[in-house]
Amino acid sequence: MEAVTLDIPNISCNHCIMTVKRETGFVEGAEFVSADLDARKVVVQVENQDALESLKETLAEAGYPAM
């Protein structure tokens, strides 16, 4: 798995982070690692590019588009 840092400008609180963590769990081949609320960044592990794209779509649908 590869660690990827995603910029997610819409996260503003711990509830947002928990939502991102929950949504990441729904994506096969993706795992939540950590989050930096101040920087509005999330680190995830992904198995491949398809998992990363699927995760980005899932997060966008949940209201947290990743840059």
N, C-alpha and C. Protein backbone atom coordinates (compact mmCIF):
# COMPACT_ATOMS: atom_id res chain seq x y z
N MET A 1 0.84 -1.19 0.00
CA MET A 1 0.00 0.00 0.00
C MET A 1 0.89 1.24 0.00
N GLU A 2 0.35 2.28 -0.56
CA GLU A 2 1.08 3.55 -0.67
C GLU A 2 0.38 4.61 0.17
N ALA A 3 1.16 5.37 0.92
CA ALA A 3 0.60 6.48 1.70
C ALA A 3 0.40 7.68 0.79
N VAL A 4 -0.78 8.29 0.90
CA VAL A 4 -1.13 9.45 0.09
C VAL A 4 -1.69 10.52 1.01
N THR A 5 -1.23 11.76 0.83
CA THR A 5 -1.76 12.88 1.60
C THR A 5 -2.76 13.63 0.73
N LEU A 6 -3.96 13.81 1.28
CA LEU A 6 -5.02 14.51 0.56
C LEU A 6 -5.31 15.84 1.25
N ASP A 7 -5.41 16.89 0.48
CA ASP A 7 -5.87 18.18 0.99
C ASP A 7 -7.39 18.18 0.92
N ILE A 8 -8.03 18.41 2.07
CA ILE A 8 -9.49 18.43 2.12
C ILE A 8 -9.91 19.73 2.80
N PRO A 9 -10.11 20.79 2.02
CA PRO A 9 -10.39 22.11 2.58
C PRO A 9 -11.65 22.18 3.44
N ASN A 10 -12.60 21.27 3.24
CA ASN A 10 -13.86 21.34 3.96
C ASN A 10 -13.82 20.78 5.38
N ILE A 11 -12.71 20.15 5.79
CA ILE A 11 -12.70 19.65 7.17
C ILE A 11 -12.40 20.81 8.12
N SER A 12 -13.23 20.90 9.15
CA SER A 12 -13.09 22.03 10.07
C SER A 12 -13.21 21.62 11.53
N CYS A 13 -13.48 20.34 11.79
CA CYS A 13 -13.64 19.89 13.18
C CYS A 13 -13.39 18.39 13.26
N ASN A 14 -13.39 17.88 14.48
CA ASN A 14 -13.16 16.45 14.68
C ASN A 14 -14.29 15.61 14.09
N HIS A 15 -15.49 16.14 14.09
CA HIS A 15 -16.60 15.41 13.47
C HIS A 15 -16.34 15.20 11.98
N CYS A 16 -15.81 16.22 11.33
CA CYS A 16 -15.45 16.10 9.91
C CYS A 16 -14.43 14.99 9.71
N ILE A 17 -13.44 14.95 10.56
CA ILE A 17 -12.41 13.92 10.46
C ILE A 17 -13.01 12.53 10.64
N MET A 18 -13.92 12.39 11.60
CA MET A 18 -14.56 11.10 11.83
C MET A 18 -15.39 10.68 10.61
N THR A 19 -16.03 11.64 9.96
CA THR A 19 -16.80 11.34 8.75
C THR A 19 -15.87 10.87 7.64
N VAL A 20 -14.75 11.55 7.45
CA VAL A 20 -13.78 11.15 6.43
C VAL A 20 -13.24 9.75 6.75
N LYS A 21 -12.96 9.50 8.01
CA LYS A 21 -12.46 8.18 8.42
C LYS A 21 -13.50 7.10 8.12
N ARG A 22 -14.76 7.37 8.45
CA ARG A 22 -15.83 6.40 8.20
C ARG A 22 -15.98 6.14 6.71
N GLU A 23 -16.00 7.21 5.91
CA GLU A 23 -16.17 7.06 4.47
C GLU A 23 -15.00 6.31 3.84
N THR A 24 -13.79 6.53 4.35
CA THR A 24 -12.62 5.81 3.85
C THR A 24 -12.78 4.31 4.07
N GLY A 25 -13.39 3.94 5.19
CA GLY A 25 -13.61 2.53 5.49
C GLY A 25 -14.53 1.83 4.51
N PHE A 26 -15.34 2.57 3.78
CA PHE A 26 -16.26 1.99 2.80
C PHE A 26 -15.58 1.69 1.47
N VAL A 27 -14.36 2.17 1.29
CA VAL A 27 -13.67 2.02 0.00
C VAL A 27 -12.69 0.85 0.08
N GLU A 28 -12.91 -0.13 -0.78
CA GLU A 28 -12.02 -1.28 -0.81
C GLU A 28 -10.64 -0.83 -1.29
N GLY A 29 -9.60 -1.24 -0.56
CA GLY A 29 -8.24 -0.89 -0.94
C GLY A 29 -7.76 0.43 -0.38
N ALA A 30 -8.53 1.01 0.55
CA ALA A 30 -8.13 2.28 1.17
C ALA A 30 -8.27 2.18 2.68
N GLU A 31 -7.32 2.78 3.40
CA GLU A 31 -7.34 2.79 4.86
C GLU A 31 -6.98 4.19 5.35
N PHE A 32 -7.71 4.65 6.35
CA PHE A 32 -7.42 5.93 7.00
C PHE A 32 -6.18 5.75 7.87
N VAL A 33 -5.25 6.72 7.83
CA VAL A 33 -4.05 6.66 8.66
C VAL A 33 -4.09 7.76 9.71
N SER A 34 -4.18 9.02 9.27
CA SER A 34 -4.15 10.13 10.22
C SER A 34 -4.74 11.38 9.57
N ALA A 35 -4.95 12.39 10.42
CA ALA A 35 -5.47 13.66 9.92
C ALA A 35 -4.79 14.81 10.66
N ASP A 36 -4.64 15.93 9.97
CA ASP A 36 -4.12 17.16 10.56
C ASP A 36 -5.18 18.22 10.34
N LEU A 37 -5.95 18.49 11.38
CA LEU A 37 -7.07 19.41 11.27
C LEU A 37 -6.61 20.81 10.91
N ASP A 38 -5.54 21.29 11.53
CA ASP A 38 -5.05 22.64 11.25
C ASP A 38 -4.64 22.81 9.79
N ALA A 39 -3.99 21.80 9.24
CA ALA A 39 -3.54 21.86 7.85
C ALA A 39 -4.63 21.41 6.87
N ARG A 40 -5.70 20.83 7.42
CA ARG A 40 -6.80 20.28 6.62
C ARG A 40 -6.30 19.23 5.64
N LYS A 41 -5.49 18.32 6.17
CA LYS A 41 -4.92 17.24 5.38
C LYS A 41 -5.23 15.90 6.04
N VAL A 42 -5.36 14.88 5.21
CA VAL A 42 -5.61 13.53 5.67
C VAL A 42 -4.61 12.61 4.98
N VAL A 43 -4.06 11.67 5.73
CA VAL A 43 -3.17 10.67 5.16
C VAL A 43 -3.93 9.35 5.10
N VAL A 44 -3.92 8.73 3.93
CA VAL A 44 -4.56 7.44 3.73
C VAL A 44 -3.56 6.49 3.07
N GLN A 45 -3.83 5.21 3.20
CA GLN A 45 -3.07 4.19 2.48
C GLN A 45 -3.98 3.65 1.39
N VAL A 46 -3.48 3.56 0.18
CA VAL A 46 -4.26 3.01 -0.93
C VAL A 46 -3.47 1.91 -1.63
N GLU A 47 -4.21 0.91 -2.11
CA GLU A 47 -3.57 -0.20 -2.80
C GLU A 47 -3.14 0.16 -4.22
N ASN A 48 -3.93 1.02 -4.86
CA ASN A 48 -3.63 1.36 -6.26
C ASN A 48 -4.37 2.64 -6.65
N GLN A 49 -4.18 3.07 -7.87
CA GLN A 49 -4.79 4.31 -8.37
C GLN A 49 -6.31 4.22 -8.39
N ASP A 50 -6.83 3.04 -8.71
CA ASP A 50 -8.29 2.87 -8.73
C ASP A 50 -8.89 3.10 -7.35
N ALA A 51 -8.23 2.59 -6.32
CA ALA A 51 -8.71 2.79 -4.95
C ALA A 51 -8.66 4.27 -4.58
N LEU A 52 -7.62 4.97 -5.01
CA LEU A 52 -7.50 6.40 -4.73
C LEU A 52 -8.63 7.17 -5.41
N GLU A 53 -8.89 6.88 -6.66
CA GLU A 53 -9.96 7.57 -7.38
C GLU A 53 -11.32 7.27 -6.76
N SER A 54 -11.53 6.04 -6.37
CA SER A 54 -12.79 5.66 -5.72
C SER A 54 -12.95 6.39 -4.40
N LEU A 55 -11.86 6.51 -3.65
CA LEU A 55 -11.90 7.23 -2.38
C LEU A 55 -12.23 8.70 -2.61
N LYS A 56 -11.60 9.31 -3.58
CA LYS A 56 -11.88 10.72 -3.88
C LYS A 56 -13.34 10.93 -4.25
N GLU A 57 -13.90 10.02 -5.03
CA GLU A 57 -15.32 10.12 -5.40
C GLU A 57 -16.21 9.98 -4.17
N THR A 58 -15.89 9.02 -3.32
CA THR A 58 -16.68 8.78 -2.11
C THR A 58 -16.64 9.99 -1.19
N LEU A 59 -15.46 10.56 -1.00
CA LEU A 59 -15.33 11.73 -0.14
C LEU A 59 -16.07 12.93 -0.72
N ALA A 60 -16.00 13.11 -2.03
CA ALA A 60 -16.71 14.22 -2.66
C ALA A 60 -18.22 14.08 -2.47
N GLU A 61 -18.73 12.87 -2.61
CA GLU A 61 -20.16 12.62 -2.41
C GLU A 61 -20.58 12.90 -0.97
N ALA A 62 -19.65 12.72 -0.02
CA ALA A 62 -19.94 12.97 1.39
C ALA A 62 -19.75 14.44 1.76
N GLY A 63 -19.33 15.27 0.79
CA GLY A 63 -19.16 16.69 1.05
C GLY A 63 -17.74 17.10 1.40
N TYR A 64 -16.79 16.20 1.18
CA TYR A 64 -15.40 16.48 1.50
C TYR A 64 -14.50 16.22 0.29
N PRO A 65 -14.62 17.05 -0.75
CA PRO A 65 -13.80 16.82 -1.94
C PRO A 65 -12.31 16.98 -1.61
N ALA A 66 -11.52 16.03 -2.12
CA ALA A 66 -10.08 16.04 -1.89
C ALA A 66 -9.37 16.67 -3.06
N MET A 67 -8.36 17.46 -2.76
CA MET A 67 -7.55 18.10 -3.79
C MET A 67 -6.28 17.30 -4.00
